[in-house]
Amino acid sequence: SSGINAEYGGHLHSYERTCPVVAGDCVTPGHGTVYVIVGAAGKFLDSQYYNHYPWSKYQNCDKFGFERITANSTHMHVEFVTAPGEEVLDVITIPTWEETATDHVFKRRH
């Protein structure tokens, strides 16, 4: 994780967000990376659903939408919002990386 608060991707035509993750485990906010796929504003949505892993906290393959982000020096407030309609479907506040976060060693999952 190395102090990375959030990682964004958009290849899939859908939306997914994880908890803060280190080595496949959910950890305290500010101690891991939140992974977000924001691809729900395209021409079509992928019809297949995601696998339900423990770190996957919100998934959407049904509604078009976008990410609305506000940030300051202490945190980033993130909302997944439908378009049209502007209904907020997912919300997370991602704090800055805490200096107290310990270094984690990658552990391979079998």
PDB file of N, CA and C in Angstrom:
ATOM      1  N   SER A   1       0.818  -1.208   0.000  1.00  0.00           N
ATOM      2  CA  SER A   1       0.000   0.000   0.000  1.00  0.00           C
ATOM      3  C   SER A   1       0.852   1.259   0.000  1.00  0.00           C
ATOM      4  N   SER A   2       1.900   1.301   0.752  1.00  0.00           N
ATOM      5  CA  SER A   2       2.907   2.367   0.693  1.00  0.00           C
ATOM      6  C   SER A   2       2.357   3.781   0.708  1.00  0.00           C
ATOM      7  N   GLY A   3       1.333   4.051   1.479  1.00  0.00           N
ATOM      8  CA  GLY A   3       0.818   5.408   1.601  1.00  0.00           C
ATOM      9  C   GLY A   3      -0.113   5.826   0.486  1.00  0.00           C
ATOM     10  N   ILE A   4      -0.595   4.906  -0.323  1.00  0.00           N
ATOM     11  CA  ILE A   4      -1.530   5.227  -1.406  1.00  0.00           C
ATOM     12  C   ILE A   4      -2.941   5.112  -0.852  1.00  0.00           C
ATOM     13  N   ASN A   5      -3.679   6.221  -0.843  1.00  0.00           N
ATOM     14  CA  ASN A   5      -5.025   6.242  -0.251  1.00  0.00           C
ATOM     15  C   ASN A   5      -6.081   5.626  -1.161  1.00  0.00           C
ATOM     16  N   ALA A   6      -5.999   5.905  -2.477  1.00  0.00           N
ATOM     17  CA  ALA A   6      -7.013   5.434  -3.412  1.00  0.00           C
ATOM     18  C   ALA A   6      -6.392   5.154  -4.768  1.00  0.00           C
ATOM     19  N   GLU A   7      -6.939   4.141  -5.459  1.00  0.00           N
ATOM     20  CA  GLU A   7      -6.515   3.790  -6.802  1.00  0.00           C
ATOM     21  C   GLU A   7      -7.772   3.717  -7.650  1.00  0.00           C
ATOM     22  N   TYR A   8      -7.769   4.429  -8.772  1.00  0.00           N
ATOM     23  CA  TYR A   8      -8.933   4.481  -9.648  1.00  0.00           C
ATOM     24  C   TYR A   8      -8.652   3.790 -10.979  1.00  0.00           C
ATOM     25  N   GLY A   9      -9.639   3.055 -11.455  1.00  0.00           N
ATOM     26  CA  GLY A   9      -9.607   2.435 -12.774  1.00  0.00           C
ATOM     27  C   GLY A   9     -10.967   2.615 -13.417  1.00  0.00           C
ATOM     28  N   GLY A  10     -11.050   2.385 -14.712  1.00  0.00           N
ATOM     29  CA  GLY A  10     -12.335   2.589 -15.373  1.00  0.00           C
ATOM     30  C   GLY A  10     -12.569   1.706 -16.569  1.00  0.00           C
ATOM     31  N   HIS A  11     -11.809   0.622 -16.708  1.00  0.00           N
ATOM     32  CA  HIS A  11     -11.949  -0.206 -17.902  1.00  0.00           C
ATOM     33  C   HIS A  11     -13.310  -0.908 -17.958  1.00  0.00           C
ATOM     34  N   LEU A  12     -13.757  -1.468 -16.853  1.00  0.00           N
ATOM     35  CA  LEU A  12     -15.068  -2.132 -16.826  1.00  0.00           C
ATOM     36  C   LEU A  12     -16.173  -1.089 -16.875  1.00  0.00           C
ATOM     37  N   HIS A  13     -17.280  -1.435 -17.506  1.00  0.00           N
ATOM     38  CA  HIS A  13     -18.413  -0.509 -17.616  1.00  0.00           C
ATOM     39  C   HIS A  13     -19.369  -0.765 -16.460  1.00  0.00           C
ATOM     40  N   SER A  14     -18.935  -0.346 -15.292  1.00  0.00           N
ATOM     41  CA  SER A  14     -19.678  -0.568 -14.057  1.00  0.00           C
ATOM     42  C   SER A  14     -19.006   0.242 -12.952  1.00  0.00           C
ATOM     43  N   TYR A  15     -19.436   0.006 -11.713  1.00  0.00           N
ATOM     44  CA  TYR A  15     -18.847   0.699 -10.562  1.00  0.00           C
ATOM     45  C   TYR A  15     -18.594  -0.324  -9.470  1.00  0.00           C
ATOM     46  N   GLU A  16     -17.429  -0.244  -8.855  1.00  0.00           N
ATOM     47  CA  GLU A  16     -17.128  -1.069  -7.686  1.00  0.00           C
ATOM     48  C   GLU A  16     -16.177  -0.299  -6.781  1.00  0.00           C
ATOM     49  N   ARG A  17     -16.354  -0.472  -5.452  1.00  0.00           N
ATOM     50  CA  ARG A  17     -15.471   0.145  -4.466  1.00  0.00           C
ATOM     51  C   ARG A  17     -15.155  -0.862  -3.382  1.00  0.00           C
ATOM     52  N   THR A  18     -13.906  -0.831  -2.924  1.00  0.00           N
ATOM     53  CA  THR A  18     -13.490  -1.730  -1.854  1.00  0.00           C
ATOM     54  C   THR A  18     -13.386  -0.979  -0.532  1.00  0.00           C
ATOM     55  N   CYS A  19     -13.194  -1.724   0.528  1.00  0.00           N
ATOM     56  CA  CYS A  19     -12.771  -1.159   1.807  1.00  0.00           C
ATOM     57  C   CYS A  19     -11.295  -0.779   1.655  1.00  0.00           C
ATOM     58  N   PRO A  20     -10.691  -0.104   2.625  1.00  0.00           N
ATOM     59  CA  PRO A  20      -9.236   0.069   2.581  1.00  0.00           C
ATOM     60  C   PRO A  20      -8.589  -1.324   2.692  1.00  0.00           C
ATOM     61  N   VAL A  21      -7.700  -1.650   1.757  1.00  0.00           N
ATOM     62  CA  VAL A  21      -7.167  -3.008   1.647  1.00  0.00           C
ATOM     63  C   VAL A  21      -5.646  -3.015   1.774  1.00  0.00           C
ATOM     64  N   VAL A  22      -5.135  -4.010   2.488  1.00  0.00           N
ATOM     65  CA  VAL A  22      -3.713  -4.337   2.507  1.00  0.00           C
ATOM     66  C   VAL A  22      -3.622  -5.854   2.397  1.00  0.00           C
ATOM     67  N   ALA A  23      -2.914  -6.337   1.379  1.00  0.00           N
ATOM     68  CA  ALA A  23      -2.674  -7.768   1.187  1.00  0.00           C
ATOM     69  C   ALA A  23      -3.958  -8.592   1.213  1.00  0.00           C
ATOM     70  N   GLY A  24      -5.037  -8.050   0.646  1.00  0.00           N
ATOM     71  CA  GLY A  24      -6.295  -8.775   0.564  1.00  0.00           C
ATOM     72  C   GLY A  24      -7.179  -8.695   1.789  1.00  0.00           C
ATOM     73  N   ASP A  25      -6.786  -7.936   2.795  1.00  0.00           N
ATOM     74  CA  ASP A  25      -7.573  -7.816   4.019  1.00  0.00           C
ATOM     75  C   ASP A  25      -8.073  -6.382   4.201  1.00  0.00           C
ATOM     76  N   CYS A  26      -9.301  -6.219   4.689  1.00  0.00           N
ATOM     77  CA  CYS A  26      -9.824  -4.895   5.032  1.00  0.00           C
ATOM     78  C   CYS A  26      -9.099  -4.395   6.281  1.00  0.00           C
ATOM     79  N   VAL A  27      -8.715  -3.118   6.255  1.00  0.00           N
ATOM     80  CA  VAL A  27      -8.006  -2.519   7.388  1.00  0.00           C
ATOM     81  C   VAL A  27      -8.671  -1.192   7.748  1.00  0.00           C
ATOM     82  N   THR A  28      -8.215  -0.588   8.823  1.00  0.00           N
ATOM     83  CA  THR A  28      -8.730   0.692   9.300  1.00  0.00           C
ATOM     84  C   THR A  28      -8.508   1.781   8.251  1.00  0.00           C
ATOM     85  N   PRO A  29      -9.506   2.660   8.016  1.00  0.00           N
ATOM     86  CA  PRO A  29      -9.298   3.773   7.082  1.00  0.00           C
ATOM     87  C   PRO A  29      -8.034   4.557   7.441  1.00  0.00           C
ATOM     88  N   GLY A  30      -7.275   4.918   6.401  1.00  0.00           N
ATOM     89  CA  GLY A  30      -6.021   5.612   6.612  1.00  0.00           C
ATOM     90  C   GLY A  30      -4.827   4.683   6.700  1.00  0.00           C
ATOM     91  N   HIS A  31      -5.092   3.368   6.654  1.00  0.00           N
ATOM     92  CA  HIS A  31      -4.027   2.368   6.763  1.00  0.00           C
ATOM     93  C   HIS A  31      -3.978   1.439   5.558  1.00  0.00           C
ATOM     94  N   GLY A  32      -4.797   1.696   4.537  1.00  0.00           N
ATOM     95  CA  GLY A  32      -4.825   0.839   3.354  1.00  0.00           C
ATOM     96  C   GLY A  32      -5.328   1.604   2.150  1.00  0.00           C
ATOM     97  N   THR A  33      -5.331   0.947   0.990  1.00  0.00           N
ATOM     98  CA  THR A  33      -5.735   1.553  -0.268  1.00  0.00           C
ATOM     99  C   THR A  33      -7.175   1.174  -0.599  1.00  0.00           C
ATOM    100  N   VAL A  34      -8.003   2.166  -0.954  1.00  0.00           N
ATOM    101  CA  VAL A  34      -9.357   1.940  -1.447  1.00  0.00           C
ATOM    102  C   VAL A  34      -9.261   1.855  -2.969  1.00  0.00           C
ATOM    103  N   TYR A  35      -9.781   0.770  -3.538  1.00  0.00           N
ATOM    104  CA  TYR A  35      -9.764   0.580  -4.988  1.00  0.00           C
ATOM    105  C   TYR A  35     -11.156   0.879  -5.537  1.00  0.00           C
ATOM    106  N   VAL A  36     -11.208   1.687  -6.606  1.00  0.00           N
ATOM    107  CA  VAL A  36     -12.485   2.105  -7.180  1.00  0.00           C
ATOM    108  C   VAL A  36     -12.439   1.911  -8.690  1.00  0.00           C
ATOM    109  N   ILE A  37     -13.466   1.273  -9.238  1.00  0.00           N
ATOM    110  CA  ILE A  37     -13.671   1.209 -10.684  1.00  0.00           C
ATOM    111  C   ILE A  37     -14.847   2.112 -10.990  1.00  0.00           C
ATOM    112  N   VAL A  38     -14.619   3.125 -11.819  1.00  0.00           N
ATOM    113  CA  VAL A  38     -15.677   4.052 -12.201  1.00  0.00           C
ATOM    114  C   VAL A  38     -15.765   4.025 -13.723  1.00  0.00           C
ATOM    115  N   GLY A  39     -16.657   3.187 -14.239  1.00  0.00           N
ATOM    116  CA  GLY A  39     -16.832   3.077 -15.683  1.00  0.00           C
ATOM    117  C   GLY A  39     -18.289   3.041 -16.061  1.00  0.00           C
ATOM    118  N   ALA A  40     -19.143   3.628 -15.223  1.00  0.00           N
ATOM    119  CA  ALA A  40     -20.593   3.531 -15.408  1.00  0.00           C
ATOM    120  C   ALA A  40     -21.182   4.709 -16.175  1.00  0.00           C
ATOM    121  N   ALA A  41     -20.348   5.481 -16.850  1.00  0.00           N
ATOM    122  CA  ALA A  41     -20.870   6.625 -17.609  1.00  0.00           C
ATOM    123  C   ALA A  41     -20.776   6.380 -19.111  1.00  0.00           C
ATOM    124  N   GLY A  42     -20.423   5.159 -19.509  1.00  0.00           N
ATOM    125  CA  GLY A  42     -20.186   4.856 -20.917  1.00  0.00           C
ATOM    126  C   GLY A  42     -21.441   4.558 -21.708  1.00  0.00           C
ATOM    127  N   LYS A  43     -21.211   4.032 -22.894  1.00  0.00           N
ATOM    128  CA  LYS A  43     -22.282   3.748 -23.853  1.00  0.00           C
ATOM    129  C   LYS A  43     -23.226   2.646 -23.347  1.00  0.00           C
ATOM    130  N   PHE A  44     -22.673   1.672 -22.638  1.00  0.00           N
ATOM    131  CA  PHE A  44     -23.465   0.560 -22.103  1.00  0.00           C
ATOM    132  C   PHE A  44     -22.853   0.135 -20.782  1.00  0.00           C
ATOM    133  N   LEU A  45     -23.603  -0.621 -20.000  1.00  0.00           N
ATOM    134  CA  LEU A  45     -23.092  -1.173 -18.742  1.00  0.00           C
ATOM    135  C   LEU A  45     -22.830  -2.658 -18.933  1.00  0.00           C
ATOM    136  N   ASP A  46     -21.764  -3.165 -18.308  1.00  0.00           N
ATOM    137  CA  ASP A  46     -21.511  -4.599 -18.343  1.00  0.00           C
ATOM    138  C   ASP A  46     -22.642  -5.309 -17.626  1.00  0.00           C
ATOM    139  N   SER A  47     -23.104  -6.405 -18.208  1.00  0.00           N
ATOM    140  CA  SER A  47     -24.256  -7.097 -17.627  1.00  0.00           C
ATOM    141  C   SER A  47     -23.858  -8.102 -16.554  1.00  0.00           C
ATOM    142  N   GLN A  48     -22.603  -8.497 -16.496  1.00  0.00           N
ATOM    143  CA  GLN A  48     -22.208  -9.472 -15.484  1.00  0.00           C
ATOM    144  C   GLN A  48     -21.863  -8.775 -14.170  1.00  0.00           C
ATOM    145  N   TYR A  49     -22.173  -9.457 -13.097  1.00  0.00           N
ATOM    146  CA  TYR A  49     -21.894  -8.903 -11.780  1.00  0.00           C
ATOM    147  C   TYR A  49     -20.523  -9.347 -11.302  1.00  0.00           C
ATOM    148  N   TYR A  50     -19.991  -8.635 -10.338  1.00  0.00           N
ATOM    149  CA  TYR A  50     -18.711  -8.949  -9.744  1.00  0.00           C
ATOM    150  C   TYR A  50     -18.848 -10.125  -8.798  1.00  0.00           C
ATOM    151  N   ASN A  51     -17.715 -10.771  -8.547  1.00  0.00           N
ATOM    152  CA  ASN A  51     -17.676 -11.762  -7.476  1.00  0.00           C
ATOM    153  C   ASN A  51     -17.788 -11.011  -6.157  1.00  0.00           C
ATOM    154  N   HIS A  52     -18.364 -11.639  -5.170  1.00  0.00           N
ATOM    155  CA  HIS A  52     -18.571 -10.970  -3.885  1.00  0.00           C
ATOM    156  C   HIS A  52     -17.441 -11.324  -2.920  1.00  0.00           C
ATOM    157  N   TYR A  53     -16.304 -10.651  -3.111  1.00  0.00           N
ATOM    158  CA  TYR A  53     -15.168 -10.832  -2.220  1.00  0.00           C
ATOM    159  C   TYR A  53     -15.387  -9.995  -0.961  1.00  0.00           C
ATOM    160  N   PRO A  54     -14.774 -10.371   0.158  1.00  0.00           N
ATOM    161  CA  PRO A  54     -14.982  -9.637   1.416  1.00  0.00           C
ATOM    162  C   PRO A  54     -14.559  -8.171   1.336  1.00  0.00           C
ATOM    163  N   TRP A  55     -13.587  -7.843   0.506  1.00  0.00           N
ATOM    164  CA  TRP A  55     -13.112  -6.456   0.403  1.00  0.00           C
ATOM    165  C   TRP A  55     -13.964  -5.602  -0.520  1.00  0.00           C
ATOM    166  N   SER A  56     -14.841  -6.216  -1.319  1.00  0.00           N
ATOM    167  CA  SER A  56     -15.715  -5.465  -2.227  1.00  0.00           C
ATOM    168  C   SER A  56     -16.930  -4.980  -1.457  1.00  0.00           C
ATOM    169  N   LYS A  57     -17.044  -3.669  -1.256  1.00  0.00           N
ATOM    170  CA  LYS A  57     -18.088  -3.124  -0.390  1.00  0.00           C
ATOM    171  C   LYS A  57     -19.290  -2.554  -1.134  1.00  0.00           C
ATOM    172  N   TYR A  58     -19.129  -2.187  -2.416  1.00  0.00           N
ATOM    173  CA  TYR A  58     -20.277  -1.716  -3.193  1.00  0.00           C
ATOM    174  C   TYR A  58     -20.029  -2.019  -4.667  1.00  0.00           C
ATOM    175  N   GLN A  59     -21.076  -2.521  -5.332  1.00  0.00           N
ATOM    176  CA  GLN A  59     -21.012  -2.840  -6.758  1.00  0.00           C
ATOM    177  C   GLN A  59     -22.273  -2.351  -7.450  1.00  0.00           C
ATOM    178  N   ASN A  60     -22.119  -1.862  -8.681  1.00  0.00           N
ATOM    179  CA  ASN A  60     -23.274  -1.417  -9.461  1.00  0.00           C
ATOM    180  C   ASN A  60     -23.054  -1.747 -10.934  1.00  0.00           C
ATOM    181  N   CYS A  61     -23.948  -2.538 -11.494  1.00  0.00           N
ATOM    182  CA  CYS A  61     -23.946  -2.845 -12.924  1.00  0.00           C
ATOM    183  C   CYS A  61     -25.284  -2.446 -13.546  1.00  0.00           C
ATOM    184  N   ASP A  62     -26.130  -1.740 -12.799  1.00  0.00           N
ATOM    185  CA  ASP A  62     -27.493  -1.463 -13.236  1.00  0.00           C
ATOM    186  C   ASP A  62     -27.761  -0.023 -13.629  1.00  0.00           C
ATOM    187  N   LYS A  63     -27.014   0.929 -13.076  1.00  0.00           N
ATOM    188  CA  LYS A  63     -27.330   2.343 -13.292  1.00  0.00           C
ATOM    189  C   LYS A  63     -26.103   3.105 -13.769  1.00  0.00           C
ATOM    190  N   PHE A  64     -26.330   4.013 -14.723  1.00  0.00           N
ATOM    191  CA  PHE A  64     -25.263   4.907 -15.160  1.00  0.00           C
ATOM    192  C   PHE A  64     -24.955   5.889 -14.038  1.00  0.00           C
ATOM    193  N   GLY A  65     -23.705   6.335 -13.952  1.00  0.00           N
ATOM    194  CA  GLY A  65     -23.371   7.274 -12.901  1.00  0.00           C
ATOM    195  C   GLY A  65     -21.959   7.810 -13.028  1.00  0.00           C
ATOM    196  N   PHE A  66     -21.602   8.631 -12.050  1.00  0.00           N
ATOM    197  CA  PHE A  66     -20.288   9.271 -12.015  1.00  0.00           C
ATOM    198  C   PHE A  66     -19.836   9.407 -10.577  1.00  0.00           C
ATOM    199  N   GLU A  67     -18.561   9.726 -10.406  1.00  0.00           N
ATOM    200  CA  GLU A  67     -17.969   9.919  -9.090  1.00  0.00           C
ATOM    201  C   GLU A  67     -17.893  11.409  -8.789  1.00  0.00           C
ATOM    202  N   ARG A  68     -18.438  11.816  -7.650  1.00  0.00           N
ATOM    203  CA  ARG A  68     -18.347  13.214  -7.201  1.00  0.00           C
ATOM    204  C   ARG A  68     -17.404  13.239  -6.004  1.00  0.00           C
ATOM    205  N   ILE A  69     -16.326  14.029  -6.115  1.00  0.00           N
ATOM    206  CA  ILE A  69     -15.279  14.033  -5.090  1.00  0.00           C
ATOM    207  C   ILE A  69     -15.070  15.448  -4.569  1.00  0.00           C
ATOM    208  N   THR A  70     -15.031  15.578  -3.249  1.00  0.00           N
ATOM    209  CA  THR A  70     -14.590  16.817  -2.612  1.00  0.00           C
ATOM    210  C   THR A  70     -13.440  16.442  -1.686  1.00  0.00           C
ATOM    211  N   ALA A  71     -12.436  17.297  -1.624  1.00  0.00           N
ATOM    212  CA  ALA A  71     -11.252  16.954  -0.843  1.00  0.00           C
ATOM    213  C   ALA A  71     -10.680  18.184  -0.161  1.00  0.00           C
ATOM    214  N   ASN A  72      -9.990  17.921   0.945  1.00  0.00           N
ATOM    215  CA  ASN A  72      -9.216  18.961   1.621  1.00  0.00           C
ATOM    216  C   ASN A  72      -7.925  18.319   2.126  1.00  0.00           C
ATOM    217  N   SER A  73      -7.233  18.947   3.019  1.00  0.00           N
ATOM    218  CA  SER A  73      -5.935  18.442   3.462  1.00  0.00           C
ATOM    219  C   SER A  73      -6.029  17.219   4.379  1.00  0.00           C
ATOM    220  N   THR A  74      -7.232  16.890   4.878  1.00  0.00           N
ATOM    221  CA  THR A  74      -7.354  15.768   5.806  1.00  0.00           C
ATOM    222  C   THR A  74      -8.099  14.562   5.254  1.00  0.00           C
ATOM    223  N   HIS A  75      -8.919  14.760   4.213  1.00  0.00           N
ATOM    224  CA  HIS A  75      -9.698  13.636   3.703  1.00  0.00           C
ATOM    225  C   HIS A  75     -10.260  13.931   2.307  1.00  0.00           C
ATOM    226  N   MET A  76     -10.776  12.856   1.705  1.00  0.00           N
ATOM    227  CA  MET A  76     -11.453  12.941   0.421  1.00  0.00           C
ATOM    228  C   MET A  76     -12.837  12.311   0.610  1.00  0.00           C
ATOM    229  N   HIS A  77     -13.884  13.067   0.301  1.00  0.00           N
ATOM    230  CA  HIS A  77     -15.258  12.579   0.401  1.00  0.00           C
ATOM    231  C   HIS A  77     -15.701  12.180  -0.999  1.00  0.00           C
ATOM    232  N   VAL A  78     -16.125  10.920  -1.161  1.00  0.00           N
ATOM    233  CA  VAL A  78     -16.410  10.359  -2.476  1.00  0.00           C
ATOM    234  C   VAL A  78     -17.851   9.841  -2.509  1.00  0.00           C
ATOM    235  N   GLU A  79     -18.565  10.187  -3.578  1.00  0.00           N
ATOM    236  CA  GLU A  79     -19.939   9.708  -3.777  1.00  0.00           C
ATOM    237  C   GLU A  79     -20.071   9.143  -5.185  1.00  0.00           C
ATOM    238  N   PHE A  80     -20.757   8.000  -5.317  1.00  0.00           N
ATOM    239  CA  PHE A  80     -21.165   7.503  -6.631  1.00  0.00           C
ATOM    240  C   PHE A  80     -22.591   7.975  -6.840  1.00  0.00           C
ATOM    241  N   VAL A  81     -22.807   8.736  -7.918  1.00  0.00           N
ATOM    242  CA  VAL A  81     -24.070   9.425  -8.162  1.00  0.00           C
ATOM    243  C   VAL A  81     -24.644   8.961  -9.488  1.00  0.00           C
ATOM    244  N   THR A  82     -25.958   8.659  -9.520  1.00  0.00           N
ATOM    245  CA  THR A  82     -26.583   8.223 -10.765  1.00  0.00           C
ATOM    246  C   THR A  82     -26.747   9.390 -11.732  1.00  0.00           C
ATOM    247  N   ALA A  83     -26.741   9.036 -13.026  1.00  0.00           N
ATOM    248  CA  ALA A  83     -26.997  10.027 -14.072  1.00  0.00           C
ATOM    249  C   ALA A  83     -27.862   9.356 -15.132  1.00  0.00           C
ATOM    250  N   PRO A  84     -29.054   9.861 -15.380  1.00  0.00           N
ATOM    251  CA  PRO A  84     -29.635  11.055 -14.758  1.00  0.00           C
ATOM    252  C   PRO A  84     -30.185  10.755 -13.359  1.00  0.00           C
ATOM    253  N   GLY A  85     -30.615  11.785 -12.674  1.00  0.00           N
ATOM    254  CA  GLY A  85     -31.284  11.651 -11.385  1.00  0.00           C
ATOM    255  C   GLY A  85     -30.484  12.106 -10.191  1.00  0.00           C
ATOM    256  N   GLU A  86     -29.168  11.982 -10.247  1.00  0.00           N
ATOM    257  CA  GLU A  86     -28.285  12.389  -9.152  1.00  0.00           C
ATOM    258  C   GLU A  86     -28.654  11.771  -7.802  1.00  0.00           C
ATOM    259  N   GLU A  87     -29.015  10.494  -7.821  1.00  0.00           N
ATOM    260  CA  GLU A  87     -29.242   9.741  -6.586  1.00  0.00           C
ATOM    261  C   GLU A  87     -27.888   9.230  -6.098  1.00  0.00           C
ATOM    262  N   VAL A  88     -27.540   9.474  -4.853  1.00  0.00           N
ATOM    263  CA  VAL A  88     -26.269   9.018  -4.294  1.00  0.00           C
ATOM    264  C   VAL A  88     -26.435   7.560  -3.866  1.00  0.00           C
ATOM    265  N   LEU A  89     -25.660   6.662  -4.501  1.00  0.00           N
ATOM    266  CA  LEU A  89     -25.763   5.237  -4.215  1.00  0.00           C
ATOM    267  C   LEU A  89     -24.660   4.718  -3.312  1.00  0.00           C
ATOM    268  N   ASP A  90     -23.528   5.389  -3.272  1.00  0.00           N
ATOM    269  CA  ASP A  90     -22.412   4.935  -2.446  1.00  0.00           C
ATOM    270  C   ASP A  90     -21.651   6.149  -1.941  1.00  0.00           C
ATOM    271  N   VAL A  91     -21.201   6.081  -0.691  1.00  0.00           N
ATOM    272  CA  VAL A  91     -20.459   7.181  -0.068  1.00  0.00           C
ATOM    273  C   VAL A  91     -19.317   6.598   0.752  1.00  0.00           C
ATOM    274  N   ILE A  92     -18.153   7.217   0.651  1.00  0.00           N
ATOM    275  CA  ILE A  92     -17.023   6.852   1.499  1.00  0.00           C
ATOM    276  C   ILE A  92     -16.186   8.095   1.750  1.00  0.00           C
ATOM    277  N   THR A  93     -15.637   8.187   2.948  1.00  0.00           N
ATOM    278  CA  THR A  93     -14.671   9.232   3.261  1.00  0.00           C
ATOM    279  C   THR A  93     -13.318   8.552   3.433  1.00  0.00           C
ATOM    280  N   ILE A  94     -12.345   9.000   2.645  1.00  0.00           N
ATOM    281  CA  ILE A  94     -11.010   8.411   2.662  1.00  0.00           C
ATOM    282  C   ILE A  94     -10.065   9.404   3.331  1.00  0.00           C
ATOM    283  N   PRO A  95      -9.562   9.069   4.536  1.00  0.00           N
ATOM    284  CA  PRO A  95      -8.652   9.995   5.214  1.00  0.00           C
ATOM    285  C   PRO A  95      -7.261   9.959   4.591  1.00  0.00           C
ATOM    286  N   THR A  96      -6.461  10.969   4.897  1.00  0.00           N
ATOM    287  CA  THR A  96      -5.069  10.930   4.459  1.00  0.00           C
ATOM    288  C   THR A  96      -4.382   9.756   5.135  1.00  0.00           C
ATOM    289  N   TRP A  97      -3.306   9.320   4.541  1.00  0.00           N
ATOM    290  CA  TRP A  97      -2.557   8.180   5.074  1.00  0.00           C
ATOM    291  C   TRP A  97      -2.003   8.557   6.440  1.00  0.00           C
ATOM    292  N   GLU A  98      -2.232   7.725   7.423  1.00  0.00           N
ATOM    293  CA  GLU A  98      -1.772   8.025   8.771  1.00  0.00           C
ATOM    294  C   GLU A  98      -0.317   7.669   8.945  1.00  0.00           C
ATOM    295  N   GLU A  99       0.415   8.543   9.572  1.00  0.00           N
ATOM    296  CA  GLU A  99       1.833   8.306   9.832  1.00  0.00           C
ATOM    297  C   GLU A  99       2.027   7.091  10.728  1.00  0.00           C
ATOM    298  N   THR A 100       0.999   6.707  11.470  1.00  0.00           N
ATOM    299  CA  THR A 100       1.112   5.565  12.374  1.00  0.00           C
ATOM    300  C   THR A 100       0.904   4.239  11.652  1.00  0.00           C
ATOM    301  N   ALA A 101       0.497   4.282  10.384  1.00  0.00           N
ATOM    302  CA  ALA A 101       0.283   3.033   9.649  1.00  0.00           C
ATOM    303  C   ALA A 101       1.601   2.282   9.521  1.00  0.00           C
ATOM    304  N   THR A 102       1.567   1.000   9.837  1.00  0.00           N
ATOM    305  CA  THR A 102       2.793   0.203   9.765  1.00  0.00           C
ATOM    306  C   THR A 102       2.998  -0.294   8.338  1.00  0.00           C
ATOM    307  N   ASP A 103       4.229  -0.595   8.013  1.00  0.00           N
ATOM    308  CA  ASP A 103       4.528  -1.175   6.707  1.00  0.00           C
ATOM    309  C   ASP A 103       3.977  -2.594   6.688  1.00  0.00           C
ATOM    310  N   HIS A 104       3.380  -2.961   5.548  1.00  0.00           N
ATOM    311  CA  HIS A 104       2.798  -4.300   5.410  1.00  0.00           C
ATOM    312  C   HIS A 104       3.578  -5.061   4.360  1.00  0.00           C
ATOM    313  N   VAL A 105       3.729  -6.348   4.558  1.00  0.00           N
ATOM    314  CA  VAL A 105       4.412  -7.202   3.606  1.00  0.00           C
ATOM    315  C   VAL A 105       3.345  -7.912   2.789  1.00  0.00           C
ATOM    316  N   PHE A 106       3.533  -7.928   1.470  1.00  0.00           N
ATOM    317  CA  PHE A 106       2.584  -8.633   0.606  1.00  0.00           C
ATOM    318  C   PHE A 106       2.599 -10.102   0.934  1.00  0.00           C
ATOM    319  N   LYS A 107       1.412 -10.681   1.106  1.00  0.00           N
ATOM    320  CA  LYS A 107       1.330 -12.118   1.330  1.00  0.00           C
ATOM    321  C   LYS A 107       0.519 -12.724   0.201  1.00  0.00           C
ATOM    322  N   ARG A 108       1.093 -13.699  -0.428  1.00  0.00           N
ATOM    323  CA  ARG A 108       0.464 -14.328  -1.585  1.00  0.00           C
ATOM    324  C   ARG A 108      -0.703 -15.205  -1.140  1.00  0.00           C
ATOM    325  N   ARG A 109      -1.822 -15.064  -1.826  1.00  0.00           N
ATOM    326  CA  ARG A 109      -3.002 -15.879  -1.551  1.00  0.00           C
ATOM    327  C   ARG A 109      -2.998 -17.095  -2.472  1.00  0.00           C
ATOM    328  N   HIS A 110      -3.324 -18.274  -1.934  1.00  0.00           N
ATOM    329  CA  HIS A 110      -3.367 -19.486  -2.759  1.00  0.00           C
ATOM    330  C   HIS A 110      -4.791 -19.853  -3.042  1.00  0.00           C
TER     331      HIS A 110
END
